[in-house]
């Protein structure tokens, strides 16, 4: 940072315009990738899942409310934990305020965790979030969408996550899944993303990418090691 190149305004403008051309190409590629994502095949959801939430017991169809599309954020909250994952909380801080806007485009978004409902509600109140949060404690939803791992997987030290088998150090993993419900009530799983695929959800990361030091994580033990619950930063 201290030895960064310093130039005249005209030289800066020339460099900025060259970089703008690359940004525009990236935008076009991202639009193309998004279109290809929407064109992926779907799979019908045949299993019944009953969740515990603020409205009592609800099945997957009821989570759509009156919208044809559903987004589920898989929030890491093991039943044995006393609070939710700090990194997932970082994600939730970003998407919480967007949900009212999603509804205007026919999308309901809910958060699902394995922890029992009473723990979710206490933590939600502490964090000041307003989104709907339901518990999958009594069903296999987390296992079927590969964000909770079995005792056998954890014992072996290998889990199926992000479409492959890898070593994983937690009992849960983050993710997001998309579903569609047709006019006959059939539900289809259309998309799921995990790990670095979730970067697009984090508004703070997108803002940090604009400043000179970026995310500034290169010297940390692991990239998100600096993140805390927003009430634990101390400043």
Protein backbone atom coordinates (compact mmCIF):
# COMPACT_ATOMS: atom_id res chain seq x y z
CA UNK A 1 0.00 0.00 0.00
CA UNK A 2 2.75 2.50 0.93
CA UNK A 3 4.60 2.04 -2.39
CA UNK A 4 1.51 2.15 -4.58
CA UNK A 5 1.92 3.83 -7.96
CA UNK A 6 0.93 7.53 -8.01
CA UNK A 7 0.05 9.16 -11.36
CA UNK A 8 -1.47 12.29 -12.85
CA UNK A 9 -5.25 12.61 -13.22
CA UNK A 10 -4.99 11.98 -17.01
CA UNK A 11 -2.91 8.84 -16.47
CA UNK A 12 -5.41 7.66 -13.83
CA UNK A 13 -8.31 8.26 -16.24
CA UNK A 14 -6.59 6.22 -18.96
CA UNK A 15 -6.02 3.31 -16.56
CA UNK A 16 -9.58 3.58 -15.26
CA UNK A 17 -11.08 3.45 -18.75
CA UNK A 18 -9.06 0.35 -19.60
CA UNK A 19 -10.29 -1.31 -16.42
CA UNK A 20 -13.86 -0.20 -17.21
CA UNK A 21 -13.73 -2.22 -20.42
CA UNK A 22 -12.92 -5.32 -18.35
CA UNK A 23 -15.70 -4.51 -15.88
CA UNK A 24 -18.21 -4.26 -18.73
CA UNK A 25 -17.04 -7.60 -20.12
CA UNK A 26 -17.44 -9.12 -16.64
CA UNK A 27 -20.98 -7.71 -16.42
CA UNK A 28 -21.88 -9.26 -19.77
CA UNK A 29 -20.43 -12.61 -18.70
CA UNK A 30 -22.30 -12.43 -15.39
CA UNK A 31 -25.57 -11.75 -17.23
CA UNK A 32 -24.87 -14.73 -19.48
CA UNK A 33 -24.09 -16.95 -16.49
CA UNK A 34 -27.28 -15.84 -14.76
CA UNK A 35 -29.31 -16.69 -17.85
CA UNK A 36 -27.68 -20.13 -18.01
CA UNK A 37 -28.49 -20.61 -14.31
CA UNK A 38 -32.16 -19.92 -15.01
CA UNK A 39 -32.09 -22.45 -17.83
CA UNK A 40 -30.80 -25.30 -15.65
CA UNK A 41 -33.16 -28.30 -15.43
CA UNK A 42 -35.36 -28.70 -12.37
CA UNK A 43 -36.11 -31.67 -10.13
CA UNK A 44 -39.51 -32.29 -8.53
CA UNK A 45 -39.56 -32.27 -4.74
CA UNK A 46 -41.42 -35.42 -3.69
CA UNK A 47 -40.56 -35.46 0.01
CA UNK A 48 -42.73 -33.84 2.65
CA UNK A 49 -40.97 -31.51 5.07
CA UNK A 50 -42.65 -30.08 8.15
CA UNK A 51 -40.95 -27.04 9.72
CA UNK A 52 -41.52 -25.35 13.07
CA UNK A 53 -41.88 -21.60 12.77
CA UNK A 54 -43.63 -18.50 14.08
CA UNK A 55 -46.88 -19.69 12.47
CA UNK A 56 -46.64 -23.15 14.01
CA UNK A 57 -46.00 -26.20 11.84
CA UNK A 58 -45.72 -25.48 8.10
CA UNK A 59 -44.77 -27.64 5.16
CA UNK A 60 -42.49 -26.55 2.33
CA UNK A 61 -45.44 -25.49 0.18
CA UNK A 62 -46.72 -23.17 2.90
CA UNK A 63 -43.35 -21.44 3.16
CA UNK A 64 -43.98 -19.97 -0.31
CA UNK A 65 -46.88 -17.97 1.19
CA UNK A 66 -48.60 -16.38 -1.82
CA UNK A 67 -45.55 -16.29 -4.12
CA UNK A 68 -44.52 -18.79 -6.83
CA UNK A 69 -40.80 -18.66 -5.99
CA UNK A 70 -38.97 -19.45 -2.76
CA UNK A 71 -35.43 -18.77 -1.62
CA UNK A 72 -34.10 -20.64 1.40
CA UNK A 73 -30.95 -19.55 3.17
CA UNK A 74 -29.41 -22.52 4.97
CA UNK A 75 -28.17 -20.86 8.16
CA UNK A 76 -25.59 -22.79 10.17
CA UNK A 77 -27.07 -23.32 13.64
CA UNK A 78 -26.39 -26.74 15.12
CA UNK A 79 -28.95 -27.78 17.77
CA UNK A 80 -26.12 -27.99 20.32
CA UNK A 81 -24.99 -24.38 19.75
CA UNK A 82 -26.13 -21.44 21.85
CA UNK A 83 -25.89 -18.93 18.98
CA UNK A 84 -25.85 -18.95 15.20
CA UNK A 85 -22.74 -19.01 13.04
CA UNK A 86 -20.99 -15.60 12.83
CA UNK A 87 -20.41 -15.96 9.09
CA UNK A 88 -24.05 -16.84 8.40
CA UNK A 89 -24.97 -13.86 10.57
CA UNK A 90 -22.80 -11.73 8.27
CA UNK A 91 -24.86 -13.04 5.34
CA UNK A 92 -28.13 -12.44 7.18
CA UNK A 93 -27.19 -8.83 7.91
CA UNK A 94 -26.97 -8.37 4.13
CA UNK A 95 -30.16 -10.10 2.98
CA UNK A 96 -32.48 -9.18 5.85
CA UNK A 97 -33.42 -5.80 4.41
CA UNK A 98 -33.75 -7.10 0.85
CA UNK A 99 -36.64 -9.48 1.53
CA UNK A 100 -39.36 -6.83 1.22
CA UNK A 101 -38.02 -6.01 -2.26
CA UNK A 102 -37.89 -9.68 -3.30
CA UNK A 103 -41.61 -9.99 -2.60
CA UNK A 104 -42.28 -7.40 -5.30
CA UNK A 105 -40.76 -9.83 -7.81
CA UNK A 106 -42.73 -12.87 -6.72
CA UNK A 107 -40.14 -14.27 -4.33
CA UNK A 108 -40.53 -15.30 -0.70
CA UNK A 109 -37.30 -15.76 1.25
CA UNK A 110 -37.00 -17.70 4.49
CA UNK A 111 -34.13 -18.81 6.67
CA UNK A 112 -33.92 -22.46 7.74
CA UNK A 113 -31.74 -23.94 10.49
CA UNK A 114 -31.46 -27.27 12.29
CA UNK A 115 -31.57 -25.73 15.78
CA UNK A 116 -34.92 -25.78 17.62
CA UNK A 117 -37.23 -22.83 17.19
CA UNK A 118 -36.76 -21.35 20.66
CA UNK A 119 -33.02 -20.92 20.04
CA UNK A 120 -33.65 -19.36 16.63
CA UNK A 121 -36.13 -16.86 18.03
CA UNK A 122 -33.87 -15.79 20.90
CA UNK A 123 -30.93 -15.25 18.58
CA UNK A 124 -33.08 -13.47 15.99
CA UNK A 125 -34.32 -11.04 18.64
CA UNK A 126 -30.77 -10.42 19.80
CA UNK A 127 -29.60 -9.66 16.25
CA UNK A 128 -32.58 -7.45 15.45
CA UNK A 129 -33.58 -9.36 12.30
CA UNK A 130 -37.14 -9.40 10.97
CA UNK A 131 -37.03 -12.23 8.42
CA UNK A 132 -38.96 -15.47 8.84
CA UNK A 133 -36.83 -18.19 10.42
CA UNK A 134 -38.03 -21.79 10.71
CA UNK A 135 -36.53 -24.90 12.25
CA UNK A 136 -35.84 -28.13 10.37
CA UNK A 137 -35.04 -29.93 13.64
CA UNK A 138 -37.73 -32.58 13.05
CA UNK A 139 -37.09 -33.32 9.37
CA UNK A 140 -34.33 -34.28 6.91
CA UNK A 141 -34.35 -31.05 4.91
CA UNK A 142 -30.79 -30.09 5.94
CA UNK A 143 -29.46 -33.56 5.16
CA UNK A 144 -31.22 -33.73 1.79
CA UNK A 145 -29.78 -30.35 0.74
CA UNK A 146 -26.33 -31.22 2.14
CA UNK A 147 -25.92 -28.50 4.74
CA UNK A 148 -25.95 -30.78 7.80
CA UNK A 149 -23.75 -33.82 8.07
CA UNK A 150 -24.32 -37.26 9.53
CA UNK A 151 -22.39 -38.73 12.46
CA UNK A 152 -20.75 -41.22 10.07
CA UNK A 153 -19.55 -38.42 7.79
CA UNK A 154 -18.12 -36.46 10.69
CA UNK A 155 -16.41 -39.55 12.09
CA UNK A 156 -14.76 -40.23 8.74
CA UNK A 157 -13.72 -36.57 8.43
CA UNK A 158 -15.24 -36.36 4.94
CA UNK A 159 -18.59 -34.85 4.03
CA UNK A 160 -20.53 -34.30 0.83
CA UNK A 161 -20.70 -30.53 0.42
CA UNK A 162 -20.68 -28.15 -2.55
CA UNK A 163 -21.20 -31.03 -4.99
CA UNK A 164 -18.15 -32.99 -3.90
CA UNK A 165 -16.56 -34.88 -1.02
CA UNK A 166 -14.16 -32.91 1.11
CA UNK A 167 -12.80 -32.50 4.62
CA UNK A 168 -14.98 -30.21 6.69
CA UNK A 169 -14.48 -29.04 10.25
CA UNK A 170 -18.05 -28.14 11.22
CA UNK A 171 -21.27 -30.08 11.70
CA UNK A 172 -23.08 -27.68 9.32
CA UNK A 173 -22.40 -25.80 6.11
CA UNK A 174 -23.94 -22.64 4.62
CA UNK A 175 -25.94 -22.56 1.42
CA UNK A 176 -28.86 -21.12 -0.48
CA UNK A 177 -31.54 -23.00 -2.44
CA UNK A 178 -34.23 -21.87 -4.87
CA UNK A 179 -37.61 -23.50 -5.48
CA UNK A 180 -40.60 -22.91 -7.74
CA UNK A 181 -44.24 -23.88 -7.20
CA UNK A 182 -46.48 -24.25 -10.23
CA UNK A 183 -50.21 -23.59 -10.51
CA UNK A 184 -50.98 -27.21 -9.55
CA UNK A 185 -48.96 -26.98 -6.36
CA UNK A 186 -46.01 -29.03 -7.60
CA UNK A 187 -42.69 -27.91 -6.13
CA UNK A 188 -39.41 -28.00 -8.02
CA UNK A 189 -35.86 -27.54 -6.75
CA UNK A 190 -34.20 -25.25 -9.29
CA UNK A 191 -30.83 -24.26 -7.81
CA UNK A 192 -28.51 -24.51 -4.81
CA UNK A 193 -25.19 -22.84 -4.14
CA UNK A 194 -22.61 -23.22 -1.39
CA UNK A 195 -19.22 -21.97 -0.18
CA UNK A 196 -17.78 -19.17 -2.38
CA UNK A 197 -20.93 -19.31 -4.49
CA UNK A 198 -22.55 -17.34 -1.66
CA UNK A 199 -20.32 -14.30 -2.13
CA UNK A 200 -23.02 -12.63 -4.21
CA UNK A 201 -25.21 -12.42 -1.09
CA UNK A 202 -22.78 -10.36 0.95
CA UNK A 203 -23.29 -6.64 0.48
CA UNK A 204 -20.36 -5.77 2.75
CA UNK A 205 -17.95 -7.84 0.63
CA UNK A 206 -19.14 -6.11 -2.53
CA UNK A 207 -18.43 -2.75 -0.90
CA UNK A 208 -15.03 -3.85 0.43
CA UNK A 209 -14.06 -4.93 -3.08
CA UNK A 210 -14.27 -1.25 -4.12
CA UNK A 211 -11.72 0.15 -1.64
CA UNK A 212 -7.90 0.09 -2.00
CA UNK A 213 -7.24 -2.68 0.53
CA UNK A 214 -10.19 -4.80 -0.61
CA UNK A 215 -11.24 -7.52 1.81
CA UNK A 216 -7.78 -7.42 3.41
CA UNK A 217 -7.89 -11.09 4.39
CA UNK A 218 -4.63 -12.41 2.94
CA UNK A 219 -2.78 -12.50 6.26
CA UNK A 220 -5.59 -14.07 8.28
CA UNK A 221 -5.64 -17.75 9.30
CA UNK A 222 -8.62 -18.16 6.95
CA UNK A 223 -10.51 -15.55 4.90
CA UNK A 224 -13.48 -14.83 7.17
CA UNK A 225 -11.59 -15.06 10.47
CA UNK A 226 -12.21 -11.36 11.21
CA UNK A 227 -16.00 -11.63 11.17
CA UNK A 228 -17.96 -11.37 14.42
CA UNK A 229 -21.63 -11.13 15.27
CA UNK A 230 -22.47 -7.47 14.70
CA UNK A 231 -22.94 -6.90 18.45
CA UNK A 232 -19.45 -8.23 19.27
CA UNK A 233 -17.10 -5.91 17.39
CA UNK A 234 -16.54 -3.70 20.40
CA UNK A 235 -16.43 -0.36 18.55
